[in-house]
N, C-alpha and C. Protein backbone atom coordinates (compact mmCIF):
# COMPACT_ATOMS: atom_id res chain seq x y z
N MET A 1 -110.73 128.97 123.76
CA MET A 1 -110.33 129.97 122.89
C MET A 1 -110.01 129.82 121.14
N LEU A 2 -109.83 128.99 120.69
CA LEU A 2 -109.94 128.21 119.58
C LEU A 2 -111.30 128.27 118.63
N VAL A 3 -112.18 128.52 119.96
CA VAL A 3 -113.62 128.03 119.30
C VAL A 3 -114.14 129.65 119.59
N GLY A 4 -113.79 130.57 120.31
CA GLY A 4 -113.95 131.95 119.94
C GLY A 4 -113.39 132.41 118.68
N LEU A 5 -111.70 132.13 118.17
CA LEU A 5 -111.71 132.68 117.01
C LEU A 5 -111.94 132.69 116.07
N LYS A 6 -112.91 131.00 116.26
CA LYS A 6 -113.24 130.46 115.02
C LYS A 6 -114.47 131.17 114.62
N GLN A 7 -115.46 131.64 115.82
CA GLN A 7 -116.58 131.93 115.89
C GLN A 7 -116.24 133.23 115.12
N LEU A 8 -115.16 134.42 115.53
CA LEU A 8 -115.10 135.50 115.15
C LEU A 8 -114.45 135.42 113.51
N ALA A 9 -114.42 134.54 113.34
CA ALA A 9 -113.82 134.35 111.87
C ALA A 9 -115.25 134.17 111.10
N GLN A 10 -115.99 133.51 111.62
CA GLN A 10 -116.89 132.97 110.64
C GLN A 10 -117.98 134.55 110.74
N LYS A 11 -118.24 135.03 111.76
CA LYS A 11 -119.32 136.63 111.77
C LYS A 11 -118.95 137.61 111.07
N GLU A 12 -116.62 137.58 110.71
CA GLU A 12 -116.63 138.70 110.27
C GLU A 12 -117.03 137.66 108.64
N ALA A 13 -116.76 136.89 108.41
CA ALA A 13 -117.05 135.95 106.96
C ALA A 13 -118.62 136.36 106.32
N LEU A 14 -119.43 136.41 107.63
CA LEU A 14 -121.00 136.26 107.88
C LEU A 14 -121.41 137.85 107.11
N THR A 15 -120.30 138.88 107.85
CA THR A 15 -120.31 140.20 107.37
C THR A 15 -120.06 140.60 106.17
N THR A 16 -119.34 140.08 106.06
CA THR A 16 -118.96 140.15 104.41
C THR A 16 -119.47 140.00 103.34
N ALA A 17 -120.16 138.82 103.64
CA ALA A 17 -120.96 138.28 102.24
C ALA A 17 -122.65 138.55 102.88
N LEU A 18 -122.91 139.68 104.19
CA LEU A 18 -124.35 140.17 104.05
C LEU A 18 -124.11 141.02 103.33
N ARG A 19 -123.25 141.97 103.23
CA ARG A 19 -122.84 143.07 102.43
C ARG A 19 -122.45 143.17 101.31
N LYS A 20 -122.21 142.50 100.87
CA LYS A 20 -122.27 141.71 98.99
C LYS A 20 -123.45 141.61 98.45
N ILE A 21 -124.13 140.80 99.09
CA ILE A 21 -125.14 140.46 98.86
C ILE A 21 -125.90 141.91 98.69
N LYS A 22 -126.21 143.19 100.31
CA LYS A 22 -127.06 143.85 99.88
C LYS A 22 -126.85 144.90 98.93
N HIS A 23 -124.96 145.10 98.52
CA HIS A 23 -124.46 145.80 97.60
C HIS A 23 -125.52 145.56 96.30
N THR A 24 -125.25 144.15 95.87
CA THR A 24 -125.80 143.62 94.61
C THR A 24 -127.59 143.81 94.76
N LYS A 25 -127.88 143.54 95.91
CA LYS A 25 -129.60 143.12 95.56
C LYS A 25 -130.25 145.19 95.24
N ASN A 26 -129.50 146.16 95.59
CA ASN A 26 -129.30 147.42 95.99
C ASN A 26 -129.67 148.07 94.30
N ARG A 27 -127.94 147.58 93.33
CA ARG A 27 -127.41 147.83 92.55
C ARG A 27 -128.70 147.54 91.43
N GLN A 28 -128.86 145.39 91.61
CA GLN A 28 -130.46 144.95 90.43
C GLN A 28 -130.86 146.31 90.65
N ILE A 29 -131.95 146.61 92.03
CA ILE A 29 -132.76 147.48 92.27
C ILE A 29 -133.14 148.08 91.51
N SER A 30 -131.87 148.82 91.68
CA SER A 30 -131.71 150.32 90.45
C SER A 30 -131.28 150.47 89.62
N GLN A 31 -130.74 148.85 88.72
CA GLN A 31 -130.48 149.10 87.33
C GLN A 31 -132.36 148.73 86.64
N SER A 32 -133.10 147.81 87.71
CA SER A 32 -134.80 147.14 87.17
C SER A 32 -135.39 149.15 86.96
N PHE A 33 -135.16 150.15 87.72
CA PHE A 33 -135.89 150.96 88.25
C PHE A 33 -134.92 152.23 86.91
N SER A 34 -134.41 152.21 86.53
CA SER A 34 -133.34 153.00 85.26
C SER A 34 -133.77 152.08 84.06
N HIS A 35 -134.07 150.90 84.75
CA HIS A 35 -134.66 150.11 82.48
C HIS A 35 -136.42 150.04 82.81
N THR A 36 -137.35 150.54 83.27
CA THR A 36 -138.49 150.65 83.62
C THR A 36 -138.72 152.30 82.99
N TYR A 37 -138.20 153.00 83.61
CA TYR A 37 -138.18 154.24 83.05
C TYR A 37 -137.92 154.72 82.15
N LEU A 38 -136.54 154.04 81.46
CA LEU A 38 -136.57 153.81 80.04
C LEU A 38 -137.31 153.47 78.88
N VAL A 39 -138.18 152.53 79.59
CA VAL A 39 -138.69 151.85 78.04
C VAL A 39 -140.37 152.69 78.65
N GLY A 40 -140.27 153.39 79.42
CA GLY A 40 -141.76 154.34 79.83
C GLY A 40 -141.50 155.20 79.13
N ALA A 41 -140.39 155.99 79.10
CA ALA A 41 -139.41 157.20 77.57
C ALA A 41 -139.65 156.95 77.15
N VAL A 42 -139.45 156.04 76.39
CA VAL A 42 -139.68 155.40 74.72
C VAL A 42 -141.28 155.00 73.75
N ILE A 43 -142.06 154.56 75.66
CA ILE A 43 -143.24 154.51 75.10
C ILE A 43 -144.00 155.81 74.73
N VAL A 44 -143.85 156.45 75.58
CA VAL A 44 -144.08 157.97 75.46
C VAL A 44 -143.89 158.77 74.28
N LEU A 45 -142.35 158.30 73.84
CA LEU A 45 -141.72 159.17 72.34
C LEU A 45 -142.77 158.46 71.64
N ILE A 46 -142.17 157.32 71.39
CA ILE A 46 -142.80 156.79 70.27
C ILE A 46 -144.19 157.27 69.96
N LEU A 47 -145.34 157.06 71.23
CA LEU A 47 -146.86 157.99 71.25
C LEU A 47 -147.48 159.10 71.25
N SER A 48 -146.15 159.67 71.23
CA SER A 48 -146.77 161.59 71.60
C SER A 48 -146.88 162.18 69.79
N PRO A 49 -146.18 161.54 68.99
CA PRO A 49 -146.87 161.77 67.77
C PRO A 49 -148.34 161.11 66.96
N ILE A 50 -148.32 160.36 67.67
CA ILE A 50 -149.93 159.30 67.34
C ILE A 50 -151.16 160.10 68.16
N ALA A 51 -150.26 160.84 69.56
CA ALA A 51 -151.64 161.71 70.21
C ALA A 51 -151.82 162.62 69.85
N LEU A 52 -151.18 163.06 68.99
CA LEU A 52 -151.17 164.73 68.28
C LEU A 52 -152.39 164.59 67.01
N LEU A 53 -151.67 163.23 66.05
CA LEU A 53 -152.90 162.86 65.71
C LEU A 53 -154.74 162.40 65.62
N THR A 54 -154.58 162.82 66.85
CA THR A 54 -156.22 162.54 67.85
C THR A 54 -157.08 163.29 67.87
N ASP A 55 -156.52 164.82 67.62
CA ASP A 55 -157.24 166.04 68.18
C ASP A 55 -158.71 165.55 67.50
N ARG A 56 -159.38 166.31 67.99
CA ARG A 56 -160.25 166.14 67.63
C ARG A 56 -160.98 167.99 66.59
N LYS A 57 -161.47 167.68 65.58
CA LYS A 57 -162.14 168.64 65.08
C LYS A 57 -163.08 169.29 65.12
N PRO A 58 -163.01 171.15 65.18
CA PRO A 58 -164.64 171.35 65.87
C PRO A 58 -165.55 171.33 64.88
N LEU A 59 -166.58 171.14 65.18
CA LEU A 59 -167.83 170.82 64.67
C LEU A 59 -168.36 172.26 63.82
N LYS A 60 -168.39 172.14 62.33
CA LYS A 60 -169.28 173.29 61.48
C LYS A 60 -170.60 173.10 61.94
N SER A 61 -170.98 174.32 62.05
CA SER A 61 -172.55 174.06 62.42
C SER A 61 -172.82 175.20 61.03
């Protein structure tokens, strides 16, 4: 009976640890996607004025 109680306590500890690991992993993945989109937005914002200056002028005939 004592072994059964120890195993039940181990199961609870493992379940709690796995839940924390899953939560931490999901939070870190969300943060990295947020950072990726932020970097992309900054690049687009910086390069947009340059793109406006690269239009070709029509050839005069």
